[in-house]
Amino acid sequence: MEIIQIVGLGLIVTILSLIIKEQKPMFAFLLAAFAGIMIFLFLIGKISSVIQVLEDLAQKSSINMVFLKTILKIIGVAYIAEFGAQIVRDAGQESIASKIELSGKVLIMVMAIPIITVIVETVVKLLPA
C-alpha cells in the first residue's frame, strides 16, 4: 500500500511545514520541496515499470518505437512541467509557475509535430482524389 506511505509522508510534512512556517518560512518551503522530490523519486520505479510494459506492447504489435518514445517524452515533459510549476506555486510565485506550464505546453506541441504530420499524411492518403 504505497499510497498510504505517500499520504502519510504528505500529512507529516504538511503538519511540520505549518509549524515551521511561523518561525522560518524558507525552511517550510524547503521541507515541502524535499517531500515532493522524495515522493517523485519513490514513484520513479513504478514509472519505469509502466514504460517497460508499454515498450513490450509496442514491440509485440509492431508499432514504430519512435512514436512510442515521442509519446513517452511528451508525457514526461507534462509531468515535469506540472511538478515544477507546483513547487514554484508553493513558493508563492504564481506568474513563474504559469510560465513553466506554458513552456511545457509549447515543448509538447513541438515534440508532437512529427506524429501530427504522420496522422495528417495518413488521412490525406485515405481520402479519395
Protein backbone atom coordinates (compact mmCIF):
# COMPACT_ATOMS: atom_id res chain seq x y z
CA MET A 1 0.00 0.00 0.00
CA GLU A 2 2.36 2.66 -1.28
CA ILE A 3 -0.37 5.28 -1.32
CA ILE A 4 -0.64 5.08 2.47
CA GLN A 5 3.09 5.80 2.75
CA ILE A 6 2.82 8.71 0.33
CA VAL A 7 -0.22 10.22 2.05
CA GLY A 8 1.40 9.67 5.45
CA LEU A 9 4.54 11.48 4.35
CA GLY A 10 2.42 14.25 2.88
CA LEU A 11 0.44 14.70 6.09
CA ILE A 12 3.54 14.68 8.29
CA VAL A 13 5.31 17.21 6.08
CA THR A 14 2.19 19.39 5.97
CA ILE A 15 1.92 19.48 9.77
CA LEU A 16 5.65 20.15 10.18
CA SER A 17 5.53 22.79 7.48
CA LEU A 18 2.65 24.59 9.17
CA ILE A 19 4.52 24.58 12.49
CA ILE A 20 7.83 25.70 10.97
CA LYS A 21 6.24 28.29 8.68
CA GLU A 22 5.60 30.67 11.56
CA GLN A 23 9.26 30.73 12.59
CA LYS A 24 11.19 30.02 9.36
CA PRO A 25 9.12 30.24 6.15
CA MET A 26 12.13 29.33 3.99
CA PHE A 27 12.65 26.05 5.85
CA ALA A 28 8.96 25.24 5.48
CA PHE A 29 9.24 25.69 1.71
CA LEU A 30 12.42 23.59 1.56
CA LEU A 31 10.73 20.86 3.58
CA ALA A 32 7.75 20.84 1.21
CA ALA A 33 10.03 20.80 -1.85
CA PHE A 34 12.10 17.98 -0.37
CA ALA A 35 8.96 15.94 0.34
CA GLY A 36 7.79 16.47 -3.24
CA ILE A 37 11.12 15.28 -4.59
CA MET A 38 11.08 12.24 -2.30
CA ILE A 39 7.59 11.29 -3.50
CA PHE A 40 8.72 11.74 -7.11
CA LEU A 41 11.81 9.55 -6.54
CA PHE A 42 9.61 6.94 -4.85
CA LEU A 43 7.44 6.79 -7.97
CA ILE A 44 10.28 6.51 -10.50
CA GLY A 45 10.39 2.73 -10.10
CA LYS A 46 6.68 2.50 -10.83
CA ILE A 47 7.02 4.78 -13.84
CA SER A 48 9.87 2.74 -15.27
CA SER A 49 7.86 -0.49 -15.00
CA VAL A 50 4.94 1.14 -16.84
CA ILE A 51 7.32 2.33 -19.57
CA GLN A 52 8.74 -1.19 -19.89
CA VAL A 53 5.26 -2.69 -20.31
CA LEU A 54 4.38 -0.09 -22.96
CA GLU A 55 7.62 -0.80 -24.85
CA ASP A 56 6.91 -4.55 -24.76
CA LEU A 57 3.38 -3.99 -26.09
CA ALA A 58 4.69 -1.72 -28.84
CA GLN A 59 7.24 -4.33 -29.93
CA LYS A 60 4.63 -7.11 -29.95
CA SER A 61 2.24 -5.03 -32.03
CA SER A 62 4.96 -3.81 -34.42
CA ILE A 63 4.40 -0.14 -33.64
CA ASN A 64 7.23 2.16 -34.64
CA MET A 65 9.25 2.75 -31.46
CA VAL A 66 9.91 6.36 -32.50
CA PHE A 67 6.24 7.15 -31.94
CA LEU A 68 6.14 5.45 -28.54
CA LYS A 69 9.32 7.18 -27.39
CA THR A 70 7.95 10.52 -28.55
CA ILE A 71 4.70 9.98 -26.67
CA LEU A 72 6.60 8.96 -23.54
CA LYS A 73 8.76 12.09 -23.82
CA ILE A 74 5.62 14.20 -24.16
CA ILE A 75 4.14 12.60 -21.04
CA GLY A 76 7.44 13.16 -19.22
CA VAL A 77 7.51 16.84 -20.16
CA ALA A 78 3.92 17.23 -18.96
CA TYR A 79 4.67 15.64 -15.57
CA ILE A 80 7.92 17.53 -15.06
CA ALA A 81 6.36 20.87 -16.02
CA GLU A 82 3.44 20.27 -13.66
CA PHE A 83 5.75 19.19 -10.84
CA GLY A 84 7.99 22.23 -11.30
CA ALA A 85 5.03 24.59 -11.52
CA GLN A 86 3.58 23.18 -8.30
CA ILE A 87 6.85 23.68 -6.44
CA VAL A 88 7.15 27.25 -7.71
CA ARG A 89 3.49 27.85 -6.84
CA ASP A 90 4.20 26.60 -3.30
CA ALA A 91 6.86 29.30 -3.08
CA GLY A 92 4.20 31.87 -3.93
CA GLN A 93 5.37 32.62 -7.47
CA GLU A 94 2.19 32.12 -9.49
CA SER A 95 3.43 34.05 -12.53
CA ILE A 96 6.59 31.93 -12.85
CA ALA A 97 4.52 28.76 -12.40
CA SER A 98 2.31 29.89 -15.28
CA LYS A 99 5.38 30.43 -17.45
CA ILE A 100 6.65 26.93 -16.64
CA GLU A 101 3.28 25.46 -17.64
CA LEU A 102 3.26 27.48 -20.87
CA SER A 103 6.79 26.31 -21.68
CA GLY A 104 5.74 22.71 -21.12
CA LYS A 105 2.79 23.12 -23.48
CA VAL A 106 4.96 24.67 -26.19
CA LEU A 107 7.56 21.90 -25.88
CA ILE A 108 4.81 19.28 -26.07
CA MET A 109 3.47 20.87 -29.25
CA VAL A 110 6.95 20.91 -30.80
CA MET A 111 7.52 17.24 -29.94
CA ALA A 112 4.08 16.26 -31.26
CA ILE A 113 4.60 17.76 -34.74
CA PRO A 114 6.13 14.58 -36.27
CA ILE A 115 3.21 12.48 -35.01
CA ILE A 116 0.65 15.04 -36.20
CA THR A 117 2.37 15.12 -39.60
CA VAL A 118 2.14 11.33 -39.98
CA ILE A 119 -1.53 11.35 -38.96
CA VAL A 120 -2.40 14.10 -41.45
CA GLU A 121 -0.45 12.36 -44.25
CA THR A 122 -2.25 9.08 -43.49
CA VAL A 123 -5.67 10.75 -43.55
CA VAL A 124 -4.85 12.52 -46.84
CA LYS A 125 -3.81 9.18 -48.39
CA LEU A 126 -7.11 7.63 -47.33
CA LEU A 127 -9.22 10.36 -48.89
CA PRO A 128 -10.35 9.80 -52.47
CA ALA A 129 -8.58 12.01 -55.01
